[in-house]
N, C-alpha and C. Protein backbone atom coordinates (compact mmCIF):
# COMPACT_ATOMS: atom_id res chain seq x y z
N MET A 1 7.82 16.06 10.02
CA MET A 1 9.01 16.64 9.40
C MET A 1 10.15 15.66 9.48
N HIS A 2 10.86 15.47 8.39
CA HIS A 2 11.98 14.54 8.34
C HIS A 2 13.27 15.30 8.09
N SER A 3 14.29 15.00 8.89
CA SER A 3 15.57 15.69 8.74
C SER A 3 16.44 14.99 7.72
N GLN A 4 17.41 15.76 7.18
CA GLN A 4 18.35 15.22 6.23
C GLN A 4 19.77 15.52 6.67
N THR A 5 20.65 14.57 6.39
CA THR A 5 22.06 14.79 6.64
C THR A 5 22.66 15.51 5.44
N PRO A 6 23.89 16.02 5.54
CA PRO A 6 24.50 16.70 4.41
C PRO A 6 24.58 15.84 3.15
N ASN A 7 24.64 14.51 3.29
CA ASN A 7 24.73 13.66 2.09
C ASN A 7 23.34 13.23 1.60
N ASN A 8 22.30 13.94 2.10
CA ASN A 8 20.92 13.75 1.66
C ASN A 8 20.28 12.45 2.16
N ALA A 9 20.90 11.76 3.10
CA ALA A 9 20.25 10.61 3.73
C ALA A 9 19.09 11.13 4.59
N LEU A 10 18.00 10.39 4.63
CA LEU A 10 16.80 10.81 5.35
C LEU A 10 16.68 10.11 6.69
N PHE A 11 16.01 10.76 7.62
CA PHE A 11 15.65 10.12 8.88
C PHE A 11 14.14 10.14 9.01
N LEU A 12 13.55 8.96 9.25
CA LEU A 12 12.11 8.82 9.32
C LEU A 12 11.71 8.44 10.74
N PRO A 13 11.42 9.41 11.59
CA PRO A 13 11.12 9.11 13.00
C PRO A 13 9.85 8.33 13.20
N ASP A 14 8.93 8.31 12.21
CA ASP A 14 7.66 7.61 12.36
C ASP A 14 7.79 6.10 12.16
N VAL A 15 8.92 5.64 11.65
CA VAL A 15 9.10 4.24 11.29
C VAL A 15 9.76 3.48 12.46
N PRO A 16 9.25 2.29 12.83
CA PRO A 16 9.87 1.50 13.90
C PRO A 16 11.36 1.25 13.64
N ARG A 17 12.13 1.19 14.70
CA ARG A 17 13.58 1.12 14.58
C ARG A 17 14.06 -0.17 13.92
N HIS A 18 13.27 -1.26 14.05
CA HIS A 18 13.72 -2.53 13.47
C HIS A 18 13.50 -2.61 11.96
N VAL A 19 12.79 -1.63 11.40
CA VAL A 19 12.47 -1.64 9.97
C VAL A 19 13.66 -1.14 9.16
N GLU A 20 13.99 -1.87 8.08
CA GLU A 20 15.12 -1.50 7.25
C GLU A 20 14.72 -1.17 5.81
N GLN A 21 13.43 -1.24 5.52
CA GLN A 21 12.97 -0.98 4.16
C GLN A 21 11.59 -0.33 4.22
N VAL A 22 11.39 0.72 3.44
CA VAL A 22 10.14 1.48 3.48
C VAL A 22 9.69 1.84 2.07
N VAL A 23 8.40 1.62 1.81
CA VAL A 23 7.75 2.16 0.62
C VAL A 23 7.08 3.45 1.08
N TRP A 24 7.66 4.57 0.68
CA TRP A 24 7.27 5.89 1.20
C TRP A 24 6.39 6.59 0.18
N ILE A 25 5.14 6.88 0.58
CA ILE A 25 4.16 7.53 -0.28
C ILE A 25 3.84 8.90 0.30
N ARG A 26 4.07 9.95 -0.49
CA ARG A 26 3.90 11.32 -0.02
C ARG A 26 2.97 12.09 -0.95
N GLY A 27 2.00 12.75 -0.36
CA GLY A 27 1.08 13.55 -1.14
C GLY A 27 0.76 14.85 -0.45
N LYS A 28 0.32 15.84 -1.22
CA LYS A 28 -0.08 17.11 -0.64
C LYS A 28 -1.55 17.05 -0.23
N SER A 29 -1.89 17.81 0.77
CA SER A 29 -3.26 17.82 1.28
C SER A 29 -4.26 18.15 0.19
N GLY A 30 -5.29 17.33 0.06
CA GLY A 30 -6.36 17.58 -0.89
C GLY A 30 -6.08 17.14 -2.31
N GLU A 31 -4.88 16.62 -2.59
CA GLU A 31 -4.53 16.21 -3.95
C GLU A 31 -4.66 14.69 -4.09
N SER A 32 -4.92 14.25 -5.30
CA SER A 32 -5.15 12.83 -5.55
C SER A 32 -3.99 12.16 -6.27
N LYS A 33 -2.89 12.88 -6.40
CA LYS A 33 -1.65 12.29 -6.90
C LYS A 33 -0.61 12.37 -5.80
N ALA A 34 0.30 11.39 -5.79
CA ALA A 34 1.35 11.36 -4.78
C ALA A 34 2.62 10.81 -5.42
N SER A 35 3.69 10.82 -4.66
CA SER A 35 4.94 10.22 -5.13
C SER A 35 5.26 9.01 -4.27
N LEU A 36 5.91 8.04 -4.88
CA LEU A 36 6.29 6.81 -4.19
C LEU A 36 7.77 6.56 -4.41
N VAL A 37 8.46 6.23 -3.33
CA VAL A 37 9.87 5.89 -3.44
C VAL A 37 10.16 4.76 -2.45
N VAL A 38 11.04 3.85 -2.83
CA VAL A 38 11.47 2.77 -1.95
C VAL A 38 12.77 3.20 -1.28
N LEU A 39 12.80 3.12 0.05
CA LEU A 39 13.96 3.52 0.82
C LEU A 39 14.57 2.34 1.55
N SER A 40 15.88 2.36 1.73
CA SER A 40 16.57 1.35 2.52
C SER A 40 17.37 2.05 3.62
N ARG A 41 17.36 1.45 4.82
CA ARG A 41 18.11 2.04 5.93
C ARG A 41 19.59 1.75 5.76
N LYS A 42 20.40 2.79 5.90
CA LYS A 42 21.84 2.67 5.76
C LYS A 42 22.52 2.87 7.11
N ASP A 43 22.33 1.90 7.99
CA ASP A 43 22.93 1.95 9.34
C ASP A 43 22.64 3.31 9.99
N GLU A 44 23.70 3.98 10.46
CA GLU A 44 23.51 5.26 11.13
C GLU A 44 23.43 6.42 10.15
N GLU A 45 23.52 6.13 8.86
CA GLU A 45 23.48 7.18 7.85
C GLU A 45 22.06 7.58 7.49
N GLY A 46 21.07 6.92 8.08
CA GLY A 46 19.68 7.24 7.75
C GLY A 46 19.19 6.41 6.58
N TRP A 47 18.20 6.98 5.87
CA TRP A 47 17.55 6.26 4.77
C TRP A 47 17.99 6.83 3.43
N GLN A 48 18.13 5.94 2.45
CA GLN A 48 18.50 6.37 1.11
C GLN A 48 17.64 5.66 0.09
N GLU A 49 17.42 6.32 -1.04
CA GLU A 49 16.56 5.77 -2.09
C GLU A 49 17.19 4.53 -2.73
N SER A 50 16.38 3.47 -2.84
CA SER A 50 16.83 2.29 -3.58
C SER A 50 16.06 2.15 -4.89
N LYS A 51 15.08 3.05 -5.09
CA LYS A 51 14.35 3.12 -6.35
C LYS A 51 13.92 4.56 -6.57
N GLN A 52 14.08 5.05 -7.78
CA GLN A 52 13.73 6.43 -8.10
C GLN A 52 12.25 6.69 -7.87
N SER A 53 11.95 7.90 -7.39
CA SER A 53 10.57 8.27 -7.09
C SER A 53 9.69 8.23 -8.35
N ILE A 54 8.47 7.74 -8.18
CA ILE A 54 7.51 7.70 -9.28
C ILE A 54 6.19 8.32 -8.82
N ASP A 55 5.39 8.78 -9.78
CA ASP A 55 4.07 9.33 -9.47
C ASP A 55 3.04 8.20 -9.40
N VAL A 56 2.14 8.30 -8.42
CA VAL A 56 1.06 7.32 -8.27
C VAL A 56 -0.25 8.06 -8.02
N TRP A 57 -1.35 7.37 -8.29
CA TRP A 57 -2.67 7.90 -7.95
C TRP A 57 -3.06 7.40 -6.56
N ILE A 58 -3.76 8.24 -5.82
CA ILE A 58 -4.33 7.83 -4.52
C ILE A 58 -5.83 8.12 -4.58
N GLY A 59 -6.49 8.11 -3.43
CA GLY A 59 -7.94 8.32 -3.39
C GLY A 59 -8.35 9.66 -3.99
N ARG A 60 -9.54 9.70 -4.54
CA ARG A 60 -10.02 10.90 -5.24
C ARG A 60 -10.09 12.12 -4.33
N ASN A 61 -10.22 11.91 -3.02
CA ASN A 61 -10.28 13.02 -2.07
C ASN A 61 -8.96 13.24 -1.33
N GLY A 62 -7.93 12.48 -1.72
CA GLY A 62 -6.62 12.68 -1.12
C GLY A 62 -6.36 11.80 0.09
N LEU A 63 -5.60 12.34 1.04
CA LEU A 63 -5.16 11.59 2.21
C LEU A 63 -5.92 12.04 3.46
N ILE A 64 -6.09 11.10 4.42
CA ILE A 64 -6.83 11.42 5.63
C ILE A 64 -6.25 10.66 6.81
N HIS A 65 -6.37 11.24 7.99
CA HIS A 65 -5.94 10.56 9.21
C HIS A 65 -6.73 9.26 9.35
N PRO A 66 -6.08 8.15 9.74
CA PRO A 66 -6.79 6.86 9.80
C PRO A 66 -7.98 6.85 10.75
N ASP A 67 -7.96 7.69 11.78
CA ASP A 67 -9.10 7.74 12.71
C ASP A 67 -10.35 8.31 12.05
N LEU A 68 -10.18 9.03 10.95
CA LEU A 68 -11.30 9.67 10.26
C LEU A 68 -11.74 8.91 9.02
N LYS A 69 -10.99 7.89 8.64
CA LYS A 69 -11.28 7.12 7.44
C LYS A 69 -12.61 6.37 7.58
N ARG A 70 -13.43 6.40 6.51
CA ARG A 70 -14.70 5.68 6.50
C ARG A 70 -14.89 4.98 5.16
N GLU A 71 -15.69 3.93 5.17
CA GLU A 71 -15.95 3.16 3.95
C GLU A 71 -16.55 4.05 2.87
N GLY A 72 -15.96 3.99 1.66
CA GLY A 72 -16.50 4.68 0.52
C GLY A 72 -16.27 6.17 0.48
N ASP A 73 -15.40 6.71 1.36
CA ASP A 73 -15.23 8.16 1.41
C ASP A 73 -14.23 8.70 0.38
N GLY A 74 -13.54 7.82 -0.34
CA GLY A 74 -12.62 8.27 -1.37
C GLY A 74 -11.28 8.76 -0.87
N TYR A 75 -10.97 8.49 0.40
CA TYR A 75 -9.68 8.89 0.97
C TYR A 75 -8.74 7.69 1.10
N THR A 76 -7.45 7.99 1.07
CA THR A 76 -6.40 7.01 1.37
C THR A 76 -5.90 7.28 2.79
N PRO A 77 -5.83 6.28 3.66
CA PRO A 77 -5.43 6.52 5.05
C PRO A 77 -3.94 6.77 5.21
N LEU A 78 -3.61 7.78 6.00
CA LEU A 78 -2.23 8.03 6.40
C LEU A 78 -1.79 6.95 7.38
N GLY A 79 -0.47 6.82 7.57
CA GLY A 79 0.01 5.91 8.60
C GLY A 79 1.19 5.07 8.17
N VAL A 80 1.60 4.21 9.10
CA VAL A 80 2.70 3.27 8.89
C VAL A 80 2.13 1.86 9.00
N TYR A 81 2.35 1.04 7.97
CA TYR A 81 1.75 -0.29 7.90
C TYR A 81 2.78 -1.32 7.47
N PRO A 82 2.85 -2.45 8.17
CA PRO A 82 3.78 -3.50 7.76
C PRO A 82 3.37 -4.12 6.44
N ILE A 83 4.34 -4.47 5.63
CA ILE A 83 4.06 -5.22 4.40
C ILE A 83 4.14 -6.70 4.74
N GLU A 84 3.00 -7.36 4.72
CA GLU A 84 2.93 -8.77 5.13
C GLU A 84 2.41 -9.68 4.03
N ARG A 85 1.65 -9.11 3.06
CA ARG A 85 1.01 -9.96 2.05
C ARG A 85 1.14 -9.35 0.65
N ILE A 86 1.64 -10.16 -0.26
CA ILE A 86 1.69 -9.80 -1.67
C ILE A 86 0.97 -10.90 -2.44
N PHE A 87 0.00 -10.50 -3.26
CA PHE A 87 -0.78 -11.43 -4.06
C PHE A 87 -0.62 -11.10 -5.54
N GLY A 88 -0.91 -12.06 -6.38
CA GLY A 88 -0.89 -11.79 -7.81
C GLY A 88 -1.38 -12.99 -8.59
N LYS A 89 -1.58 -12.76 -9.88
CA LYS A 89 -2.03 -13.85 -10.76
C LYS A 89 -0.82 -14.47 -11.44
N GLY A 90 -0.79 -15.77 -11.45
CA GLY A 90 0.35 -16.47 -12.04
C GLY A 90 1.47 -16.63 -11.04
N LYS A 91 2.40 -17.47 -11.39
CA LYS A 91 3.53 -17.75 -10.51
C LYS A 91 4.60 -16.67 -10.67
N ARG A 92 5.19 -16.30 -9.56
CA ARG A 92 6.29 -15.35 -9.55
C ARG A 92 7.36 -15.84 -8.58
N ASN A 93 8.58 -15.57 -8.90
CA ASN A 93 9.68 -15.96 -8.04
C ASN A 93 10.22 -14.71 -7.35
N LEU A 94 9.56 -14.32 -6.26
CA LEU A 94 10.09 -13.22 -5.46
C LEU A 94 11.11 -13.80 -4.51
N LYS A 95 12.35 -13.53 -4.76
CA LYS A 95 13.44 -14.22 -4.07
C LYS A 95 13.47 -13.94 -2.57
N ALA A 96 13.00 -12.77 -2.16
CA ALA A 96 13.18 -12.38 -0.76
C ALA A 96 11.88 -12.08 -0.02
N PHE A 97 10.72 -12.37 -0.66
CA PHE A 97 9.47 -12.07 0.01
C PHE A 97 8.42 -13.11 -0.36
N PRO A 98 7.64 -13.59 0.63
CA PRO A 98 6.59 -14.58 0.33
C PRO A 98 5.55 -14.00 -0.63
N TYR A 99 5.08 -14.84 -1.52
CA TYR A 99 4.11 -14.43 -2.53
C TYR A 99 3.02 -15.49 -2.61
N ARG A 100 1.77 -15.02 -2.76
CA ARG A 100 0.65 -15.96 -2.84
C ARG A 100 -0.08 -15.77 -4.15
N GLU A 101 -0.23 -16.85 -4.88
CA GLU A 101 -0.90 -16.79 -6.16
C GLU A 101 -2.41 -16.75 -5.98
N ILE A 102 -3.07 -15.81 -6.66
CA ILE A 102 -4.52 -15.67 -6.59
C ILE A 102 -5.19 -16.81 -7.36
N LYS A 103 -6.16 -17.43 -6.72
CA LYS A 103 -6.95 -18.49 -7.35
C LYS A 103 -8.36 -17.98 -7.64
N LYS A 104 -9.10 -18.76 -8.40
CA LYS A 104 -10.46 -18.34 -8.79
C LYS A 104 -11.40 -18.17 -7.60
N THR A 105 -11.10 -18.81 -6.50
CA THR A 105 -11.97 -18.74 -5.32
C THR A 105 -11.67 -17.53 -4.42
N PHE A 106 -10.62 -16.76 -4.71
CA PHE A 106 -10.20 -15.68 -3.81
C PHE A 106 -11.13 -14.47 -3.96
N HIS A 107 -11.71 -14.06 -2.84
CA HIS A 107 -12.58 -12.88 -2.81
C HIS A 107 -12.21 -12.00 -1.62
N TRP A 108 -12.62 -10.73 -1.69
CA TRP A 108 -12.43 -9.78 -0.58
C TRP A 108 -13.70 -8.95 -0.50
N THR A 109 -14.18 -8.69 0.72
CA THR A 109 -15.47 -8.01 0.81
C THR A 109 -15.38 -6.68 1.55
N ASP A 110 -16.12 -5.70 1.01
CA ASP A 110 -16.28 -4.40 1.69
C ASP A 110 -17.72 -4.19 2.14
N ARG A 111 -18.50 -5.26 2.14
CA ARG A 111 -19.91 -5.16 2.54
C ARG A 111 -20.01 -5.09 4.06
N LEU A 112 -20.61 -4.01 4.57
CA LEU A 112 -20.64 -3.76 6.01
C LEU A 112 -21.32 -4.87 6.79
N GLU A 113 -22.30 -5.52 6.17
CA GLU A 113 -23.07 -6.54 6.88
C GLU A 113 -22.33 -7.88 6.96
N SER A 114 -21.25 -8.02 6.25
CA SER A 114 -20.56 -9.31 6.19
C SER A 114 -19.72 -9.56 7.43
N ARG A 115 -19.75 -10.78 7.92
CA ARG A 115 -18.89 -11.17 9.04
C ARG A 115 -17.43 -11.24 8.59
N TYR A 116 -17.21 -11.18 7.27
CA TYR A 116 -15.85 -11.25 6.72
C TYR A 116 -15.38 -9.89 6.20
N TYR A 117 -15.97 -8.82 6.70
CA TYR A 117 -15.61 -7.47 6.25
C TYR A 117 -14.09 -7.26 6.27
N ASN A 118 -13.59 -6.79 5.15
CA ASN A 118 -12.16 -6.49 4.95
C ASN A 118 -11.26 -7.70 5.20
N LYS A 119 -11.75 -8.87 4.79
CA LYS A 119 -10.94 -10.08 4.92
C LYS A 119 -10.87 -10.81 3.58
N LEU A 120 -9.76 -11.49 3.38
CA LEU A 120 -9.64 -12.41 2.25
C LEU A 120 -10.44 -13.65 2.56
N ILE A 121 -11.32 -14.04 1.63
CA ILE A 121 -12.08 -15.27 1.80
C ILE A 121 -11.90 -16.15 0.56
N PHE A 122 -12.18 -17.41 0.73
CA PHE A 122 -11.90 -18.38 -0.33
C PHE A 122 -13.18 -19.00 -0.89
N PHE A 123 -14.22 -18.20 -0.92
CA PHE A 123 -15.50 -18.62 -1.48
C PHE A 123 -16.25 -17.36 -1.93
N LYS A 124 -17.26 -17.54 -2.76
CA LYS A 124 -18.02 -16.42 -3.27
C LYS A 124 -19.13 -16.06 -2.29
N GLU A 125 -19.10 -14.82 -1.81
CA GLU A 125 -20.13 -14.31 -0.92
C GLU A 125 -20.82 -13.14 -1.62
N ARG A 126 -22.09 -12.96 -1.35
CA ARG A 126 -22.82 -11.86 -1.97
C ARG A 126 -22.13 -10.53 -1.69
N GLY A 127 -21.83 -9.79 -2.76
CA GLY A 127 -21.21 -8.49 -2.62
C GLY A 127 -19.70 -8.50 -2.55
N ALA A 128 -19.09 -9.67 -2.43
CA ALA A 128 -17.63 -9.75 -2.33
C ALA A 128 -16.98 -9.55 -3.70
N THR A 129 -15.79 -8.98 -3.71
CA THR A 129 -15.05 -8.72 -4.95
C THR A 129 -14.17 -9.91 -5.29
N SER A 130 -14.26 -10.36 -6.51
CA SER A 130 -13.40 -11.45 -6.98
C SER A 130 -12.03 -10.88 -7.34
N LEU A 131 -10.99 -11.33 -6.65
CA LEU A 131 -9.64 -10.89 -6.98
C LEU A 131 -9.20 -11.48 -8.31
N TRP A 132 -9.72 -12.63 -8.64
CA TRP A 132 -9.36 -13.32 -9.87
C TRP A 132 -9.88 -12.57 -11.10
N SER A 133 -11.09 -12.03 -10.99
CA SER A 133 -11.75 -11.45 -12.16
C SER A 133 -11.28 -10.05 -12.50
N SER A 134 -10.70 -9.34 -11.55
CA SER A 134 -10.34 -7.95 -11.78
C SER A 134 -8.90 -7.79 -12.26
N PRO A 135 -8.67 -6.98 -13.30
CA PRO A 135 -7.30 -6.73 -13.77
C PRO A 135 -6.48 -5.90 -12.79
N LEU A 136 -7.14 -5.29 -11.81
CA LEU A 136 -6.41 -4.49 -10.82
C LEU A 136 -5.46 -5.34 -9.99
N TYR A 137 -5.78 -6.62 -9.87
CA TYR A 137 -5.05 -7.46 -8.93
C TYR A 137 -4.09 -8.43 -9.61
N GLU A 138 -3.59 -8.02 -10.78
CA GLU A 138 -2.53 -8.80 -11.43
C GLU A 138 -1.35 -8.94 -10.47
N ILE A 139 -1.10 -7.90 -9.72
CA ILE A 139 -0.13 -7.92 -8.63
C ILE A 139 -0.59 -6.87 -7.63
N MET A 140 -0.55 -7.18 -6.34
CA MET A 140 -1.07 -6.27 -5.33
C MET A 140 -0.36 -6.47 -4.00
N VAL A 141 -0.21 -5.36 -3.29
CA VAL A 141 0.35 -5.38 -1.94
C VAL A 141 -0.76 -4.91 -1.00
N VAL A 142 -1.02 -5.65 0.04
CA VAL A 142 -2.06 -5.27 1.00
C VAL A 142 -1.53 -4.17 1.92
N VAL A 143 -2.25 -3.06 2.01
CA VAL A 143 -1.97 -2.05 3.03
C VAL A 143 -2.75 -2.50 4.27
N GLU A 144 -2.03 -2.86 5.31
CA GLU A 144 -2.68 -3.50 6.47
C GLU A 144 -3.40 -2.48 7.35
N TYR A 145 -4.31 -1.75 6.71
CA TYR A 145 -5.18 -0.80 7.41
C TYR A 145 -6.49 -1.49 7.75
N ASN A 146 -6.89 -1.49 9.02
CA ASN A 146 -8.15 -2.08 9.48
C ASN A 146 -8.29 -3.55 9.07
N THR A 147 -7.17 -4.27 9.07
CA THR A 147 -7.21 -5.68 8.71
C THR A 147 -7.10 -6.61 9.92
N LYS A 148 -6.59 -6.11 11.03
CA LYS A 148 -6.51 -6.91 12.26
C LYS A 148 -7.78 -6.64 13.06
N SER A 149 -8.62 -7.65 13.19
CA SER A 149 -9.93 -7.46 13.83
C SER A 149 -10.65 -6.25 13.21
N PRO A 150 -10.92 -6.30 11.92
CA PRO A 150 -11.48 -5.15 11.20
C PRO A 150 -12.82 -4.69 11.76
N ILE A 151 -12.99 -3.38 11.78
CA ILE A 151 -14.24 -2.78 12.26
C ILE A 151 -15.05 -2.32 11.05
N PRO A 152 -16.23 -2.90 10.83
CA PRO A 152 -17.05 -2.53 9.68
C PRO A 152 -17.31 -1.03 9.63
N GLY A 153 -17.11 -0.46 8.45
CA GLY A 153 -17.39 0.94 8.24
C GLY A 153 -16.18 1.85 8.28
N LEU A 154 -15.06 1.35 8.82
CA LEU A 154 -13.87 2.19 8.94
C LEU A 154 -12.97 2.13 7.71
N GLY A 155 -13.40 1.41 6.69
CA GLY A 155 -12.62 1.36 5.45
C GLY A 155 -12.04 -0.01 5.20
N SER A 156 -12.00 -0.39 3.93
CA SER A 156 -11.56 -1.74 3.59
C SER A 156 -10.90 -1.76 2.21
N MET A 157 -10.25 -2.88 1.92
CA MET A 157 -9.67 -3.15 0.61
C MET A 157 -8.72 -2.03 0.17
N ILE A 158 -7.80 -1.65 1.04
CA ILE A 158 -6.78 -0.66 0.71
C ILE A 158 -5.53 -1.41 0.25
N PHE A 159 -5.23 -1.30 -1.01
CA PHE A 159 -4.11 -2.03 -1.61
C PHE A 159 -3.22 -1.07 -2.41
N ILE A 160 -1.99 -1.49 -2.66
CA ILE A 160 -1.21 -0.94 -3.77
C ILE A 160 -1.45 -1.90 -4.92
N HIS A 161 -2.09 -1.42 -5.97
CA HIS A 161 -2.47 -2.34 -7.04
C HIS A 161 -2.25 -1.70 -8.42
N VAL A 162 -2.39 -2.53 -9.43
CA VAL A 162 -2.21 -2.08 -10.81
C VAL A 162 -3.30 -1.07 -11.16
N TRP A 163 -2.90 0.02 -11.83
CA TRP A 163 -3.85 1.07 -12.18
C TRP A 163 -3.42 1.68 -13.50
N ASN A 164 -4.23 1.48 -14.53
CA ASN A 164 -3.92 2.01 -15.85
C ASN A 164 -4.78 3.21 -16.22
N GLU A 165 -5.58 3.67 -15.26
CA GLU A 165 -6.48 4.79 -15.51
C GLU A 165 -5.76 6.13 -15.27
N ASP A 166 -6.17 7.15 -15.99
CA ASP A 166 -5.64 8.49 -15.77
C ASP A 166 -6.60 9.27 -14.88
N LYS A 167 -6.83 8.73 -13.69
CA LYS A 167 -7.73 9.34 -12.73
C LYS A 167 -7.46 8.73 -11.36
N PRO A 168 -7.98 9.34 -10.29
CA PRO A 168 -7.75 8.82 -8.94
C PRO A 168 -8.43 7.48 -8.71
N THR A 169 -8.03 6.84 -7.62
CA THR A 169 -8.66 5.59 -7.18
C THR A 169 -9.77 5.91 -6.18
N SER A 170 -10.36 4.87 -5.62
CA SER A 170 -11.37 5.05 -4.57
C SER A 170 -10.74 5.10 -3.18
N GLY A 171 -9.41 4.95 -3.10
CA GLY A 171 -8.73 4.98 -1.81
C GLY A 171 -7.44 4.19 -1.80
N CYS A 172 -7.26 3.36 -2.82
CA CYS A 172 -6.02 2.58 -2.93
C CYS A 172 -4.90 3.42 -3.53
N ILE A 173 -3.72 2.82 -3.62
CA ILE A 173 -2.59 3.43 -4.31
C ILE A 173 -2.49 2.75 -5.67
N GLY A 174 -2.70 3.51 -6.74
CA GLY A 174 -2.72 2.97 -8.09
C GLY A 174 -1.40 3.24 -8.79
N ILE A 175 -0.87 2.21 -9.46
CA ILE A 175 0.46 2.27 -10.03
C ILE A 175 0.52 1.38 -11.27
N SER A 176 1.44 1.64 -12.17
CA SER A 176 1.56 0.79 -13.35
C SER A 176 2.05 -0.61 -12.95
N LYS A 177 1.67 -1.58 -13.73
CA LYS A 177 2.09 -2.95 -13.45
C LYS A 177 3.61 -3.07 -13.47
N GLU A 178 4.23 -2.43 -14.43
CA GLU A 178 5.70 -2.50 -14.55
C GLU A 178 6.38 -1.95 -13.30
N ASP A 179 5.90 -0.80 -12.81
CA ASP A 179 6.52 -0.21 -11.61
C ASP A 179 6.25 -1.05 -10.38
N LEU A 180 5.03 -1.60 -10.27
CA LEU A 180 4.72 -2.41 -9.10
C LEU A 180 5.53 -3.70 -9.09
N GLU A 181 5.71 -4.31 -10.25
CA GLU A 181 6.55 -5.51 -10.34
C GLU A 181 7.97 -5.19 -9.88
N SER A 182 8.48 -4.04 -10.30
CA SER A 182 9.83 -3.64 -9.91
C SER A 182 9.94 -3.42 -8.41
N ILE A 183 8.90 -2.81 -7.82
CA ILE A 183 8.92 -2.55 -6.38
C ILE A 183 8.92 -3.84 -5.58
N VAL A 184 8.00 -4.75 -5.90
CA VAL A 184 7.91 -5.98 -5.10
C VAL A 184 9.16 -6.85 -5.26
N SER A 185 9.82 -6.73 -6.39
CA SER A 185 11.04 -7.52 -6.60
C SER A 185 12.16 -7.06 -5.67
N LYS A 186 12.06 -5.84 -5.15
CA LYS A 186 13.10 -5.30 -4.28
C LYS A 186 12.81 -5.54 -2.80
N LEU A 187 11.59 -5.98 -2.48
CA LEU A 187 11.23 -6.15 -1.08
C LEU A 187 11.90 -7.38 -0.48
N ASP A 188 12.35 -7.22 0.74
CA ASP A 188 13.07 -8.29 1.44
C ASP A 188 12.42 -8.49 2.81
N ALA A 189 11.82 -9.65 3.03
CA ALA A 189 11.11 -9.91 4.28
C ALA A 189 12.02 -9.75 5.50
N LYS A 190 13.29 -10.05 5.35
CA LYS A 190 14.24 -9.94 6.47
C LYS A 190 14.43 -8.48 6.91
N LYS A 191 14.12 -7.55 6.01
CA LYS A 191 14.27 -6.14 6.33
C LYS A 191 13.00 -5.52 6.91
N LYS A 192 11.99 -6.36 7.16
CA LYS A 192 10.73 -5.93 7.77
C LYS A 192 10.14 -4.71 7.05
N PRO A 193 9.87 -4.81 5.76
CA PRO A 193 9.39 -3.64 5.01
C PRO A 193 8.05 -3.12 5.51
N HIS A 194 7.91 -1.81 5.47
CA HIS A 194 6.69 -1.13 5.87
C HIS A 194 6.29 -0.13 4.79
N ILE A 195 5.01 0.23 4.79
CA ILE A 195 4.49 1.32 3.97
C ILE A 195 4.30 2.53 4.86
N LEU A 196 4.82 3.67 4.43
CA LEU A 196 4.65 4.94 5.15
C LEU A 196 3.91 5.89 4.23
N ILE A 197 2.70 6.31 4.66
CA ILE A 197 1.88 7.22 3.86
C ILE A 197 1.76 8.54 4.62
N GLU A 198 2.19 9.62 3.98
CA GLU A 198 2.28 10.91 4.67
C GLU A 198 1.78 12.07 3.80
N ILE A 199 1.38 13.14 4.48
CA ILE A 199 1.12 14.41 3.81
C ILE A 199 2.38 15.26 3.90
N VAL A 200 2.74 15.88 2.78
CA VAL A 200 3.89 16.79 2.78
C VAL A 200 3.40 18.20 2.48
N SER A 201 4.13 19.17 2.96
CA SER A 201 3.77 20.57 2.72
C SER A 201 4.45 21.08 1.47
N ASP A 202 4.12 22.29 1.07
CA ASP A 202 4.73 22.92 -0.10
C ASP A 202 6.12 23.44 0.20
N ASN A 203 6.47 23.50 1.49
CA ASN A 203 7.77 24.08 1.87
C ASN A 203 8.91 23.09 1.62
């Protein structure tokens, strides 16, 4: 539950105190659509919107606690994750956040048997996904779920990525290219941006 001040500023107790920027994704239990809004911390006034809320697609089965997340289950993991990596095709001038251009050798694997499970690799491995070949990765933000010493089977390749389909994803956050470009242009590494994924009630 998040409290609000009379001027509608939000307080997010789940977010580390040093964080000044949040991509906040909220969905109802069991639903495969969610809302996304970019928030900025306003000193002691709490959090305020720096970008109007938009609708996004999430996993076909909705949201799940990260301890219960499994490979291929169709869920998007709840939680708070630092934004550390933004990738895309072609050169971009993100003034306030590091950006890495995807090359033809860039792959990511969800194969359980791979020693590189849920890691970016720079060569073609059997079963690995080519980031270069897929239109989903024209621009993408890594959700740092199970990426530090990844455990095979607990879920992989969770990104905020381009999504032009009118249906849920397999577990990522799907968004239009235009909206995603707008979001990443607002991110500032100095503000330690994080992703916050939550379930909200009907109340």
